[in-house]
Amino acid sequence: MLEDAINAWHDAVNRRDLEAAQAAVTDPVDVSGPRGAGPIPAAAFAGWIIRSGIRLSPISYHPAGPGSMVVEQEASWDGGEPAQVATLFRVRDGRIALAHRFASLHEALAAAQQ
């Protein structure tokens, strides 16, 4: 169930499917990235997909406790040069409740232990 929720999130983001993106997350969903952190409405998360132009391809999955997983990803924005990032996901009731992106797998795994 954990991986299914994370895979559905990646699929919605990469297809820029706003309806599926809203359905993949809790409302609100706790997010973080280079521009800040905190809870945002599911509709705002869906809007972020379009504004950011991000695409994320999972590379590896790292269990991080009950309901948590760190996923190392290849990220690109609007067709730019890809970069490796990692996202800490927490799933609640089959939906992504937290998606915190980090610049490295090491940082994401450390955050998962806090």
C-alpha atoms as a PDB file:
ATOM      1  CA  MET A   1       0.000   0.000   0.000  1.00  0.00           C
ATOM      2  CA  LEU A   2       2.855   2.373   0.807  1.00  0.00           C
ATOM      3  CA  GLU A   3       4.587   1.893  -2.545  1.00  0.00           C
ATOM      4  CA  ASP A   4       1.239   1.993  -4.368  1.00  0.00           C
ATOM      5  CA  ALA A   5       0.486   5.438  -2.913  1.00  0.00           C
ATOM      6  CA  ILE A   6       3.974   6.709  -3.768  1.00  0.00           C
ATOM      7  CA  ASN A   7       3.803   5.327  -7.301  1.00  0.00           C
ATOM      8  CA  ALA A   8       0.352   6.911  -7.821  1.00  0.00           C
ATOM      9  CA  TRP A   9       1.821  10.247  -6.645  1.00  0.00           C
ATOM     10  CA  HIS A  10       4.726   9.993  -9.116  1.00  0.00           C
ATOM     11  CA  ASP A  11       2.357   9.023 -11.919  1.00  0.00           C
ATOM     12  CA  ALA A  12       0.032  11.983 -11.248  1.00  0.00           C
ATOM     13  CA  VAL A  13       2.958  14.431 -11.044  1.00  0.00           C
ATOM     14  CA  ASN A  14       4.621  13.185 -14.215  1.00  0.00           C
ATOM     15  CA  ARG A  15       1.379  13.134 -16.227  1.00  0.00           C
ATOM     16  CA  ARG A  16       0.435  16.551 -14.803  1.00  0.00           C
ATOM     17  CA  ASP A  17      -2.933  15.057 -13.946  1.00  0.00           C
ATOM     18  CA  LEU A  18      -4.387  17.590 -11.521  1.00  0.00           C
ATOM     19  CA  GLU A  19      -7.378  15.475 -10.503  1.00  0.00           C
ATOM     20  CA  ALA A  20      -5.203  12.436  -9.792  1.00  0.00           C
ATOM     21  CA  ALA A  21      -2.686  14.638  -7.939  1.00  0.00           C
ATOM     22  CA  GLN A  22      -5.371  15.958  -5.609  1.00  0.00           C
ATOM     23  CA  ALA A  23      -6.624  12.403  -5.021  1.00  0.00           C
ATOM     24  CA  ALA A  24      -3.070  11.156  -4.277  1.00  0.00           C
ATOM     25  CA  VAL A  25      -2.540  13.484  -1.301  1.00  0.00           C
ATOM     26  CA  THR A  26      -4.247  14.320   1.961  1.00  0.00           C
ATOM     27  CA  ASP A  27      -5.876  17.725   2.342  1.00  0.00           C
ATOM     28  CA  PRO A  28      -3.797  19.451   3.525  1.00  0.00           C
ATOM     29  CA  VAL A  29      -0.530  17.809   2.514  1.00  0.00           C
ATOM     30  CA  ASP A  30       2.761  18.721   4.223  1.00  0.00           C
ATOM     31  CA  VAL A  31       5.394  19.587   1.610  1.00  0.00           C
ATOM     32  CA  SER A  32       8.889  21.009   1.552  1.00  0.00           C
ATOM     33  CA  GLY A  33      11.405  21.989  -1.042  1.00  0.00           C
ATOM     34  CA  PRO A  34      13.765  24.809  -1.904  1.00  0.00           C
ATOM     35  CA  ARG A  35      11.027  27.439  -1.513  1.00  0.00           C
ATOM     36  CA  GLY A  36       9.805  26.493   1.934  1.00  0.00           C
ATOM     37  CA  ALA A  37       7.811  23.986   3.910  1.00  0.00           C
ATOM     38  CA  GLY A  38       4.452  23.469   5.493  1.00  0.00           C
ATOM     39  CA  PRO A  39       0.949  22.241   4.914  1.00  0.00           C
ATOM     40  CA  ILE A  40      -0.804  23.296   1.722  1.00  0.00           C
ATOM     41  CA  PRO A  41      -4.258  22.450   0.354  1.00  0.00           C
ATOM     42  CA  ALA A  42      -4.439  19.539  -2.088  1.00  0.00           C
ATOM     43  CA  ALA A  43      -5.544  21.975  -4.819  1.00  0.00           C
ATOM     44  CA  ALA A  44      -2.391  24.064  -4.261  1.00  0.00           C
ATOM     45  CA  PHE A  45      -0.291  20.910  -4.582  1.00  0.00           C
ATOM     46  CA  ALA A  46      -1.938  20.192  -7.922  1.00  0.00           C
ATOM     47  CA  GLY A  47      -1.161  23.758  -9.055  1.00  0.00           C
ATOM     48  CA  TRP A  48       2.495  23.308  -8.056  1.00  0.00           C
ATOM     49  CA  ILE A  49       2.795  20.485 -10.584  1.00  0.00           C
ATOM     50  CA  ILE A  50       1.968  22.868 -13.422  1.00  0.00           C
ATOM     51  CA  ARG A  51       3.972  25.857 -12.134  1.00  0.00           C
ATOM     52  CA  SER A  52       7.126  23.886 -11.354  1.00  0.00           C
ATOM     53  CA  GLY A  53       7.222  21.805 -14.526  1.00  0.00           C
ATOM     54  CA  ILE A  54       8.819  19.023 -12.473  1.00  0.00           C
ATOM     55  CA  ARG A  55       9.207  15.411 -13.504  1.00  0.00           C
ATOM     56  CA  LEU A  56      10.454  12.827 -11.018  1.00  0.00           C
ATOM     57  CA  SER A  57      11.672   9.325 -11.878  1.00  0.00           C
ATOM     58  CA  PRO A  58      12.181   6.976  -8.921  1.00  0.00           C
ATOM     59  CA  ILE A  59      15.637   5.391  -8.736  1.00  0.00           C
ATOM     60  CA  SER A  60      15.548   3.541  -5.410  1.00  0.00           C
ATOM     61  CA  TYR A  61      13.191   3.006  -2.483  1.00  0.00           C
ATOM     62  CA  HIS A  62      14.316   3.008   1.158  1.00  0.00           C
ATOM     63  CA  PRO A  63      11.842   2.002   3.908  1.00  0.00           C
ATOM     64  CA  ALA A  64      12.016   4.550   6.723  1.00  0.00           C
ATOM     65  CA  GLY A  65       9.627   3.240   9.360  1.00  0.00           C
ATOM     66  CA  PRO A  66       5.905   2.530   9.508  1.00  0.00           C
ATOM     67  CA  GLY A  67       4.133   4.466   6.778  1.00  0.00           C
ATOM     68  CA  SER A  68       7.351   6.169   5.629  1.00  0.00           C
ATOM     69  CA  MET A  69       9.629   5.743   2.633  1.00  0.00           C
ATOM     70  CA  VAL A  70      12.541   7.700   1.189  1.00  0.00           C
ATOM     71  CA  VAL A  71      12.680   7.627  -2.591  1.00  0.00           C
ATOM     72  CA  GLU A  72      15.799   8.642  -4.462  1.00  0.00           C
ATOM     73  CA  GLN A  73      14.749  10.299  -7.720  1.00  0.00           C
ATOM     74  CA  GLU A  74      16.004  11.846 -10.913  1.00  0.00           C
ATOM     75  CA  ALA A  75      14.321  15.236 -11.181  1.00  0.00           C
ATOM     76  CA  SER A  76      14.043  17.657 -14.063  1.00  0.00           C
ATOM     77  CA  TRP A  77      12.215  20.928 -14.408  1.00  0.00           C
ATOM     78  CA  ASP A  78      10.744  21.970 -17.757  1.00  0.00           C
ATOM     79  CA  GLY A  79      13.166  19.745 -19.644  1.00  0.00           C
ATOM     80  CA  GLY A  80      16.281  21.146 -17.940  1.00  0.00           C
ATOM     81  CA  GLU A  81      19.301  19.147 -16.859  1.00  0.00           C
ATOM     82  CA  PRO A  82      18.344  16.308 -14.512  1.00  0.00           C
ATOM     83  CA  ALA A  83      19.467  16.281 -10.891  1.00  0.00           C
ATOM     84  CA  GLN A  84      19.352  13.597  -8.237  1.00  0.00           C
ATOM     85  CA  VAL A  85      17.133  14.388  -5.262  1.00  0.00           C
ATOM     86  CA  ALA A  86      15.405  12.339  -2.580  1.00  0.00           C
ATOM     87  CA  THR A  87      11.942  12.692  -1.110  1.00  0.00           C
ATOM     88  CA  LEU A  88      10.738  11.554   2.284  1.00  0.00           C
ATOM     89  CA  PHE A  89       7.141  10.362   1.977  1.00  0.00           C
ATOM     90  CA  ARG A  90       4.700   9.611   4.769  1.00  0.00           C
ATOM     91  CA  VAL A  91       1.469   7.881   3.837  1.00  0.00           C
ATOM     92  CA  ARG A  92      -1.793   8.016   5.779  1.00  0.00           C
ATOM     93  CA  ASP A  93      -4.946   6.157   4.730  1.00  0.00           C
ATOM     94  CA  GLY A  94      -3.443   5.350   1.320  1.00  0.00           C
ATOM     95  CA  ARG A  95      -2.561   8.967   0.479  1.00  0.00           C
ATOM     96  CA  ILE A  96       0.608  11.025   0.674  1.00  0.00           C
ATOM     97  CA  ALA A  97       0.422  13.097   3.854  1.00  0.00           C
ATOM     98  CA  LEU A  98       4.012  14.396   3.715  1.00  0.00           C
ATOM     99  CA  ALA A  99       6.431  14.883   0.816  1.00  0.00           C
ATOM    100  CA  HIS A 100       9.689  16.571   1.836  1.00  0.00           C
ATOM    101  CA  ARG A 101      12.312  16.876  -0.884  1.00  0.00           C
ATOM    102  CA  PHE A 102      16.033  16.941  -0.102  1.00  0.00           C
ATOM    103  CA  ALA A 103      19.152  17.543  -2.167  1.00  0.00           C
ATOM    104  CA  SER A 104      20.570  14.118  -1.315  1.00  0.00           C
ATOM    105  CA  LEU A 105      19.582  10.643  -0.239  1.00  0.00           C
ATOM    106  CA  HIS A 106      21.729  11.029   2.894  1.00  0.00           C
ATOM    107  CA  GLU A 107      19.799  14.152   3.983  1.00  0.00           C
ATOM    108  CA  ALA A 108      16.423  12.514   3.377  1.00  0.00           C
ATOM    109  CA  LEU A 109      17.364   9.370   5.310  1.00  0.00           C
ATOM    110  CA  ALA A 110      18.632  11.488   8.220  1.00  0.00           C
ATOM    111  CA  ALA A 111      15.364  13.480   8.259  1.00  0.00           C
ATOM    112  CA  ALA A 112      13.376  10.241   8.294  1.00  0.00           C
ATOM    113  CA  GLN A 113      15.069   9.277  11.587  1.00  0.00           C
ATOM    114  CA  GLN A 114      14.020  12.477  13.380  1.00  0.00           C
END
